[in-house]
Protein backbone atom coordinates (compact mmCIF):
# COMPACT_ATOMS: atom_id res chain seq x y z
CA MET A 1 35.78 16.48 -63.92
CA SER A 2 33.24 13.45 -64.06
CA PHE A 3 30.21 12.32 -66.07
CA ALA A 4 28.22 13.31 -63.10
CA HIS A 5 29.64 17.06 -63.77
CA LEU A 6 28.87 16.72 -67.15
CA CYS A 7 25.23 15.40 -66.61
CA LEU A 8 24.58 18.34 -64.04
CA ILE A 9 25.99 20.67 -66.53
CA VAL A 10 23.98 19.69 -69.28
CA ALA A 11 20.90 19.50 -66.86
CA VAL A 12 21.19 23.23 -65.72
CA GLY A 13 21.80 24.10 -68.93
CA LEU A 14 18.19 23.51 -69.84
CA PHE A 15 17.38 26.60 -67.83
CA GLY A 16 18.43 28.67 -70.61
CA PRO A 17 15.32 27.41 -72.84
CA LEU A 18 13.06 27.35 -70.29
CA LEU A 19 13.63 31.06 -69.32
CA ALA A 20 13.50 31.90 -72.97
CA LEU A 21 10.35 29.82 -73.57
CA PRO A 22 7.93 32.65 -72.82
CA LYS A 23 7.97 34.59 -76.26
CA ARG A 24 6.82 37.80 -74.88
CA TRP A 25 9.93 38.03 -72.83
CA HIS A 26 12.41 37.80 -75.63
CA VAL A 27 15.25 36.54 -73.39
CA PRO A 28 18.22 35.01 -74.98
CA VAL A 29 18.72 31.41 -74.16
CA VAL A 30 22.27 32.22 -72.78
CA ILE A 31 21.06 34.20 -70.09
CA GLY A 32 19.51 31.16 -68.19
CA GLU A 33 22.81 29.23 -68.83
CA LEU A 34 24.91 32.18 -67.61
CA LEU A 35 22.60 32.24 -64.41
CA ALA A 36 22.91 28.68 -63.86
CA GLY A 37 26.71 28.69 -63.98
CA VAL A 38 26.58 31.70 -61.65
CA VAL A 39 24.37 29.82 -59.19
CA LEU A 40 26.61 26.55 -59.29
CA GLY A 41 30.01 28.66 -59.28
CA PRO A 42 31.80 30.60 -56.25
CA THR A 43 29.00 33.35 -56.37
CA GLY A 44 26.59 30.59 -55.32
CA THR A 45 27.16 26.92 -54.12
CA SER A 46 30.82 26.22 -55.43
CA THR A 47 29.37 22.91 -57.08
CA LEU A 48 31.30 23.58 -60.23
CA ASP A 49 35.01 24.40 -60.30
CA ALA A 50 35.72 26.68 -63.50
CA SER A 51 39.39 26.36 -63.15
CA ALA A 52 39.33 22.54 -63.80
CA PRO A 53 41.61 21.73 -66.91
CA THR A 54 39.00 19.58 -68.55
CA PHE A 55 36.11 21.98 -67.91
CA THR A 56 38.03 24.84 -69.29
CA PHE A 57 39.20 23.07 -72.31
CA LEU A 58 35.68 21.91 -73.21
CA ALA A 59 34.49 25.41 -72.43
CA ASN A 60 37.04 26.70 -75.05
CA MET A 61 35.84 24.42 -77.59
CA GLY A 62 32.46 25.65 -76.75
CA PHE A 63 33.50 29.30 -77.49
CA ALA A 64 35.00 28.61 -80.69
CA LEU A 65 32.02 27.02 -81.86
CA VAL A 66 29.69 29.62 -80.56
CA MET A 67 31.55 32.14 -82.33
CA PHE A 68 31.58 30.21 -85.62
CA VAL A 69 27.93 30.00 -85.45
CA ALA A 70 27.67 33.78 -84.72
CA GLY A 71 30.11 34.32 -87.72
CA THR A 72 27.51 32.53 -90.03
CA HIS A 73 24.78 34.81 -88.72
CA VAL A 74 26.60 37.70 -90.48
CA PRO A 75 24.22 38.35 -93.68
CA VAL A 76 27.25 38.82 -96.02
CA ARG A 77 25.35 37.05 -98.84
CA ASN A 78 22.24 39.16 -98.69
CA PRO A 79 22.08 41.75 -101.52
CA ALA A 80 19.64 44.01 -99.96
CA LEU A 81 22.03 44.84 -97.43
CA ARG A 82 24.83 46.10 -99.59
CA PRO A 83 23.12 49.37 -100.52
CA ALA A 84 22.87 50.06 -96.43
CA LEU A 85 26.59 49.34 -95.99
CA LYS A 86 27.89 52.84 -96.20
CA VAL A 87 25.35 54.06 -93.62
CA GLY A 88 26.42 51.00 -91.38
CA VAL A 89 30.16 51.81 -91.49
CA LEU A 90 29.56 55.48 -90.88
CA ARG A 91 27.24 54.73 -87.81
CA ALA A 92 29.66 52.23 -86.56
CA VAL A 93 32.38 54.58 -86.68
CA ALA A 94 30.33 57.27 -84.94
CA VAL A 95 29.50 55.13 -82.20
CA GLY A 96 33.29 54.25 -81.67
CA ALA A 97 34.49 57.86 -81.86
CA MET A 98 31.56 58.69 -78.78
CA ALA A 99 32.66 55.67 -76.86
CA VAL A 100 36.29 56.74 -76.65
CA GLY A 101 35.22 59.59 -74.77
CA LEU A 102 33.10 57.71 -72.48
CA GLY A 103 35.79 54.98 -72.07
CA ALA A 104 38.22 57.45 -71.01
CA ALA A 105 36.10 59.26 -68.41
CA LEU A 106 34.95 55.81 -67.05
CA SER A 107 38.54 54.51 -66.94
CA HIS A 108 39.50 57.66 -65.03
CA ALA A 109 36.55 57.78 -62.85
CA PHE A 110 37.34 54.11 -61.44
CA GLY A 111 40.94 54.14 -61.81
CA THR A 112 41.28 51.16 -64.15
CA GLY A 113 43.51 52.32 -66.73
CA HIS A 114 41.24 50.35 -69.52
CA THR A 115 40.03 53.21 -71.76
CA ALA A 116 40.45 51.43 -75.01
CA LEU A 117 38.81 48.08 -73.26
CA TYR A 118 35.75 50.10 -72.10
CA ALA A 119 35.65 51.83 -75.80
CA VAL A 120 35.54 48.67 -77.91
CA LEU A 121 32.97 47.18 -75.44
CA MET A 122 30.57 50.29 -75.60
CA THR A 123 31.11 50.21 -79.70
CA SER A 124 30.58 46.65 -79.79
CA SER A 125 27.08 44.82 -81.23
CA SER A 126 26.34 41.36 -80.88
CA ALA A 127 25.07 39.74 -84.41
CA ALA A 128 24.30 36.49 -82.32
CA LEU A 129 21.90 38.45 -80.27
CA VAL A 130 20.26 40.90 -82.68
CA LEU A 131 19.49 38.91 -85.43
CA PRO A 132 17.43 36.33 -83.45
CA ILE A 133 15.42 39.11 -81.92
CA VAL A 134 14.85 40.36 -85.57
CA ASP A 135 13.93 37.04 -86.91
CA GLY A 136 11.91 36.12 -83.51
CA LEU A 137 9.90 39.29 -83.93
CA GLY A 138 9.47 39.45 -87.62
CA LEU A 139 11.22 42.78 -88.19
CA SER A 140 11.79 44.01 -91.43
CA GLY A 141 11.67 47.34 -93.47
CA PRO A 142 14.41 49.97 -94.29
CA THR A 143 14.98 50.59 -90.38
CA ILE A 144 16.18 47.09 -90.16
CA VAL A 145 18.05 46.50 -93.49
CA ALA A 146 20.12 49.86 -92.47
CA LEU A 147 20.79 48.05 -88.79
CA LEU A 148 22.01 44.85 -89.67
CA PRO A 149 25.18 46.08 -91.43
CA GLN A 150 26.00 48.49 -88.63
CA VAL A 151 25.45 45.58 -86.26
CA ALA A 152 27.70 42.82 -88.42
CA ILE A 153 30.53 45.72 -88.83
CA ALA A 154 30.61 46.67 -85.28
CA ASP A 155 30.70 43.17 -84.20
CA ALA A 156 33.48 41.99 -86.59
CA ALA A 157 35.62 45.15 -85.77
CA CYS A 158 35.28 45.03 -82.17
CA ILE A 159 36.44 41.15 -82.55
CA VAL A 160 39.31 42.00 -84.02
CA LEU A 161 40.24 45.04 -81.90
CA LEU A 162 39.56 43.33 -78.60
CA PRO A 163 42.88 41.64 -78.18
CA LEU A 164 44.68 45.21 -78.62
CA ALA A 165 42.60 46.71 -76.40
CA ILE A 166 42.81 44.57 -73.46
CA GLU A 167 46.77 44.17 -73.80
CA PRO A 168 47.93 47.54 -75.03
CA SER A 169 51.22 46.94 -74.15
CA ARG A 170 51.61 43.80 -76.58
CA ALA A 171 49.51 45.45 -79.33
CA GLY A 172 52.14 44.42 -81.83
CA ARG A 173 52.13 40.92 -81.23
CA SER A 174 48.29 40.81 -80.93
CA ALA A 175 48.01 42.59 -84.36
CA LEU A 176 50.21 40.20 -85.96
CA GLY A 177 48.51 37.12 -84.20
CA ALA A 178 44.91 38.72 -85.60
CA LEU A 179 46.70 39.28 -88.95
CA ALA A 180 47.55 35.49 -89.11
CA VAL A 181 44.35 34.44 -87.95
CA LEU A 182 42.51 36.61 -90.58
CA ALA A 183 44.66 35.66 -93.31
CA CYS A 184 43.94 31.83 -92.67
CA SER A 185 40.46 32.75 -92.54
CA GLY A 186 40.57 34.65 -95.88
CA ALA A 187 42.61 31.71 -97.43
CA PHE A 188 40.07 29.13 -96.30
CA PHE A 189 37.43 31.43 -98.11
CA LEU A 190 39.48 31.38 -101.35
CA PHE A 191 39.58 27.70 -101.04
CA LEU A 192 36.19 27.21 -100.35
CA ARG A 193 35.11 29.48 -103.17
CA GLU A 194 37.14 27.59 -105.70
CA ALA A 195 35.95 24.31 -104.45
CA GLU A 196 32.45 25.69 -104.72
CA ARG A 197 33.01 26.59 -108.51
CA ARG A 198 34.80 23.27 -109.29
CA GLY A 199 31.73 21.37 -107.63
CA TRP A 200 33.82 19.76 -105.17
CA LEU A 201 31.75 20.86 -102.08
CA GLN A 202 28.47 19.53 -103.96
CA ASN A 203 30.11 16.21 -104.64
CA LEU A 204 31.41 15.98 -101.04
CA HIS A 205 27.87 16.91 -99.90
CA ASP A 206 26.36 14.21 -101.98
CA GLU A 207 28.45 11.45 -101.09
CA SER A 208 28.40 12.57 -97.32
CA LYS A 209 24.65 12.65 -97.26
CA GLN A 210 24.18 9.31 -99.23
CA ARG A 211 26.64 7.58 -97.18
CA ASN A 212 26.15 9.11 -93.94
CA PHE A 213 29.73 10.09 -93.35
CA ALA A 214 29.00 13.44 -91.79
CA LEU A 215 32.11 14.73 -93.85
CA GLU A 216 31.03 18.45 -93.83
CA LEU A 217 30.90 18.69 -89.95
CA ARG A 218 34.03 16.44 -89.45
CA ILE A 219 35.94 19.05 -92.24
CA SER A 220 34.36 22.05 -90.36
CA LEU A 221 34.97 21.08 -86.80
CA GLY A 222 38.78 20.32 -87.96
CA LEU A 223 39.05 23.85 -89.63
CA VAL A 224 37.61 25.74 -86.48
CA PHE A 225 39.97 23.68 -84.16
CA GLY A 226 42.97 23.99 -86.37
CA LEU A 227 42.25 28.08 -86.49
CA ALA A 228 41.81 28.09 -82.87
CA ALA A 229 45.15 26.43 -82.55
CA ILE A 230 46.96 28.98 -84.70
CA ALA A 231 45.35 31.50 -82.48
CA VAL A 232 46.28 30.31 -79.16
CA GLN A 233 49.74 29.92 -80.43
CA THR A 234 49.76 33.55 -81.63
CA HIS A 235 48.14 34.92 -78.46
CA VAL A 236 44.93 35.82 -79.99
CA SER A 237 41.37 34.86 -78.62
CA ILE A 238 39.75 31.97 -80.19
CA MET A 239 36.94 34.07 -80.33
CA LEU A 240 38.19 35.71 -83.66
CA ALA A 241 39.29 32.31 -85.18
CA GLY A 242 35.80 30.73 -84.81
CA PHE A 243 34.14 34.13 -86.06
CA GLY A 244 36.33 34.51 -88.98
CA LEU A 245 35.88 31.08 -90.23
CA GLY A 246 32.28 31.14 -89.75
CA ILE A 247 32.01 34.50 -91.97
CA ALA A 248 34.29 32.52 -94.59
CA VAL A 249 31.93 29.61 -94.61
CA THR A 250 28.61 31.77 -94.97
CA ALA A 251 30.38 33.97 -97.50
CA VAL A 252 30.62 30.88 -99.80
CA GLY A 253 27.21 29.44 -98.58
CA GLU A 254 26.76 27.15 -95.82
CA PRO A 255 24.70 23.84 -96.60
CA ARG A 256 21.71 23.62 -94.78
CA ARG A 257 22.45 20.38 -93.67
CA LEU A 258 25.88 21.63 -92.32
CA ALA A 259 23.98 24.54 -90.56
CA LYS A 260 21.89 22.01 -88.85
CA GLN A 261 24.78 19.70 -87.71
CA MET A 262 26.69 22.54 -86.54
CA PHE A 263 23.95 24.35 -84.80
CA GLY A 264 22.84 21.08 -82.98
CA ILE A 265 26.45 20.29 -81.67
CA THR A 266 26.87 23.71 -80.48
CA GLU A 267 23.42 24.57 -79.06
CA GLY A 268 22.97 21.03 -77.90
CA PHE A 269 26.04 20.69 -75.85
CA PHE A 270 29.49 22.84 -76.29
CA GLY A 271 27.48 26.28 -76.30
CA PRO A 272 25.55 25.69 -73.07
CA LEU A 273 28.80 24.09 -71.48
CA PHE A 274 30.67 27.16 -72.35
CA PHE A 275 28.13 29.71 -71.05
CA VAL A 276 27.53 27.57 -67.70
CA TRP A 277 31.44 27.61 -67.59
CA LEU A 278 31.43 31.47 -67.87
CA GLY A 279 28.84 31.78 -65.30
CA ALA A 280 30.77 29.56 -63.12
CA SER A 281 34.02 31.64 -63.46
CA LEU A 282 32.54 34.63 -62.44
CA ASN A 283 32.52 35.57 -58.66
CA LEU A 284 29.79 38.19 -58.54
CA ARG A 285 30.51 38.14 -54.66
CA ALA A 286 33.54 40.43 -55.96
CA LEU A 287 31.02 43.05 -56.69
CA GLY A 288 30.10 43.01 -52.97
CA ASP A 289 33.70 43.35 -51.99
CA HIS A 290 34.22 45.98 -54.63
CA PRO A 291 30.56 47.81 -54.76
CA SER A 292 31.92 50.58 -57.04
CA TYR A 293 32.19 48.10 -59.52
CA ILE A 294 28.39 47.71 -59.69
CA GLY A 295 28.57 51.24 -61.04
CA LEU A 296 30.98 50.26 -63.40
CA GLY A 297 28.83 47.85 -64.92
CA VAL A 298 25.71 49.51 -65.14
CA LEU A 299 27.50 52.76 -66.66
CA LEU A 300 29.31 50.50 -69.22
CA GLY A 301 25.79 49.09 -70.15
CA LEU A 302 24.18 52.60 -70.25
CA GLY A 303 27.06 54.04 -72.19
CA ALA A 304 26.77 51.53 -75.02
CA VAL A 305 23.16 52.05 -75.14
CA VAL A 306 23.58 56.09 -75.32
CA THR A 307 26.27 55.82 -77.81
CA HIS A 308 24.31 53.68 -80.12
CA ALA A 309 20.89 55.33 -79.41
CA ALA A 310 22.94 58.76 -80.32
CA MET A 311 22.79 57.64 -84.01
CA VAL A 312 18.94 59.29 -83.82
CA LEU A 313 21.06 62.08 -85.23
CA THR A 314 21.50 60.05 -88.37
CA LYS A 315 17.67 59.49 -88.48
CA GLN A 316 17.96 56.13 -87.03
CA PRO A 317 15.13 55.56 -84.69
CA PRO A 318 16.13 55.52 -80.94
CA ALA A 319 14.99 51.64 -80.47
CA ALA A 320 16.95 50.61 -83.26
CA GLY A 321 20.11 52.15 -82.07
CA ALA A 322 19.31 50.67 -78.49
CA MET A 323 18.75 47.23 -80.09
CA ALA A 324 22.08 47.62 -82.03
CA ALA A 325 23.62 48.18 -78.45
CA ALA A 326 23.15 44.32 -77.30
CA GLN A 327 26.34 42.63 -76.87
CA LEU A 328 27.52 39.63 -75.76
CA GLY A 329 30.69 37.88 -77.46
CA VAL A 330 32.87 40.73 -76.97
CA PRO A 331 32.37 40.98 -73.24
CA VAL A 332 32.45 37.33 -72.74
CA ALA A 333 35.80 37.29 -74.41
CA ALA A 334 36.94 40.43 -72.47
CA ALA A 335 35.98 38.67 -69.14
CA THR A 336 37.65 35.38 -70.09
CA LEU A 337 40.86 36.82 -71.65
CA GLY A 338 41.28 39.32 -68.58
CA GLN A 339 40.98 36.44 -65.91
CA GLN A 340 43.16 34.01 -67.89
CA LEU A 341 45.74 36.93 -68.42
CA HIS A 342 45.29 38.43 -64.93
CA LEU A 343 44.80 41.71 -66.79
CA LEU A 344 41.60 42.96 -64.96
CA LYS A 345 41.14 43.97 -61.25
CA PRO A 346 38.94 41.67 -58.79
CA GLY A 347 35.54 42.52 -59.65
CA GLU A 348 35.86 43.89 -62.93
CA PRO A 349 35.23 40.89 -65.15
CA ALA A 350 31.59 40.84 -63.13
CA ALA A 351 31.35 44.24 -63.82
CA LEU A 352 31.62 43.82 -67.73
CA MET A 353 29.34 40.92 -67.62
CA LEU A 354 26.73 43.06 -65.74
CA GLY A 355 27.21 45.80 -68.48
CA ALA A 356 26.40 43.32 -71.17
CA LEU A 357 23.18 42.21 -69.44
CA VAL A 358 22.17 45.83 -68.95
CA THR A 359 22.46 46.18 -72.98
CA ILE A 360 20.65 42.83 -73.34
CA ALA A 361 17.79 43.84 -71.07
CA ILE A 362 17.41 47.40 -72.99
CA ALA A 363 17.82 45.77 -76.28
CA THR A 364 15.02 43.47 -75.54
CA VAL A 365 12.70 46.21 -74.60
CA ALA A 366 13.90 48.10 -77.67
CA GLY A 367 13.04 45.23 -80.06
CA GLY A 368 9.63 45.09 -78.60
CA LEU A 369 8.89 48.60 -79.29
CA LEU A 370 10.34 48.68 -82.68
CA SER A 371 8.08 45.71 -83.55
CA ARG A 372 4.97 48.06 -83.12
CA SER A 373 6.48 50.80 -85.51
CA THR A 374 8.11 48.72 -88.17
CA THR A 375 6.83 46.57 -91.02
CA GLN A 376 6.83 42.92 -89.97
CA SER A 377 6.55 39.61 -91.71
CA PRO A 378 5.56 36.54 -89.56
CA PRO A 379 8.10 34.71 -87.66
CA ARG A 380 8.56 31.24 -89.03
CA ASN A 381 8.67 28.47 -86.24
CA GLY A 382 11.93 26.39 -86.29
CA THR A 383 14.07 28.64 -88.35
CA SER A 384 17.05 30.72 -87.56
CA ALA A 385 17.75 34.53 -87.92
CA GLY A 386 18.79 33.73 -91.34
CA ALA A 387 15.04 32.99 -92.19
CA THR A 388 14.32 36.79 -92.45
CA THR A 389 17.61 38.06 -93.12
CA GLY A 390 18.36 36.19 -96.08
CA LEU A 391 21.11 33.91 -94.83
CA PRO A 392 21.90 30.70 -96.20
CA ARG A 393 21.11 28.63 -93.06
CA SER A 394 18.19 26.60 -91.59
CA SER A 395 19.59 25.55 -88.24
């Protein structure tokens, strides 16, 4: 990999913001970045080699940081969400129960034997996608307050369950690895909370800001990569490492300056690089060689939407349920892990991503429909999803 390749990756990564520029489309930035990678990968021109060690390593760094930022999007400090927590848990569990039946049916129909994986995929939600849609449309009101805990719970639970689902034969080892990563995240939270109580974090912040040391950014990056190293050693996805640490940091209260720094380094370079790499690692031509997997991808996406929209039985508006079905991080991790561990059949990783794209398309439309039927507050230009959901961030 050369500087010319890096220049190309950064340049094509701009397709993400360009595609997302028309606000009425509500297209997530990552879609353009994925498409750019697909065009330059084996599906298209084969200009980028996703198997190159340096490219893969940088992409893994990006993956950890993307999930860290996603973890900071979980509104754990918003007191308005706590009364809705019970409803969110019940809805997430109900969606999961329905997804198991659909997952078994799809696994049997396509002969893959991946019932647990499909169930986790259809149960998952993406806080990193749903919260920006909520903020961008200025959505608020009881429907949204009840929706956010459901999304956060499903997102966190499926991230933990994915390693167990994708490799059931090694569930014990994966469970121990997940527990180790979660224990480290919990320990970091306890330390950060104590440091906040004693005023150490404020002193660190003041000294760093006054002398331009960027200490918060350096320490945060060290913690992310350290936890990612533990995840790698225990054979757990680095997704869990980044996400767990992100939740721990935002539970204490992420400083605005750190939020801006982490958002800048992630969204400005490592995040786009990861999604371009992911697109370049997917061989969508395999769907042509295995056309049945096109059906699998579409059915996975529709299955996720159906199971979430079924929460209309709990008086949740169908549009809110469909928006909760938006998924990205879990399918991305499933496709990445499946390819790295050679656990998925040819064409199956592309099918998982196709299913995710189906959910994103439907969730985007559902968000627009929901904006016409719920109370709205004006979107704030230049703010993150935390602006309307109560997150302590300003990236």
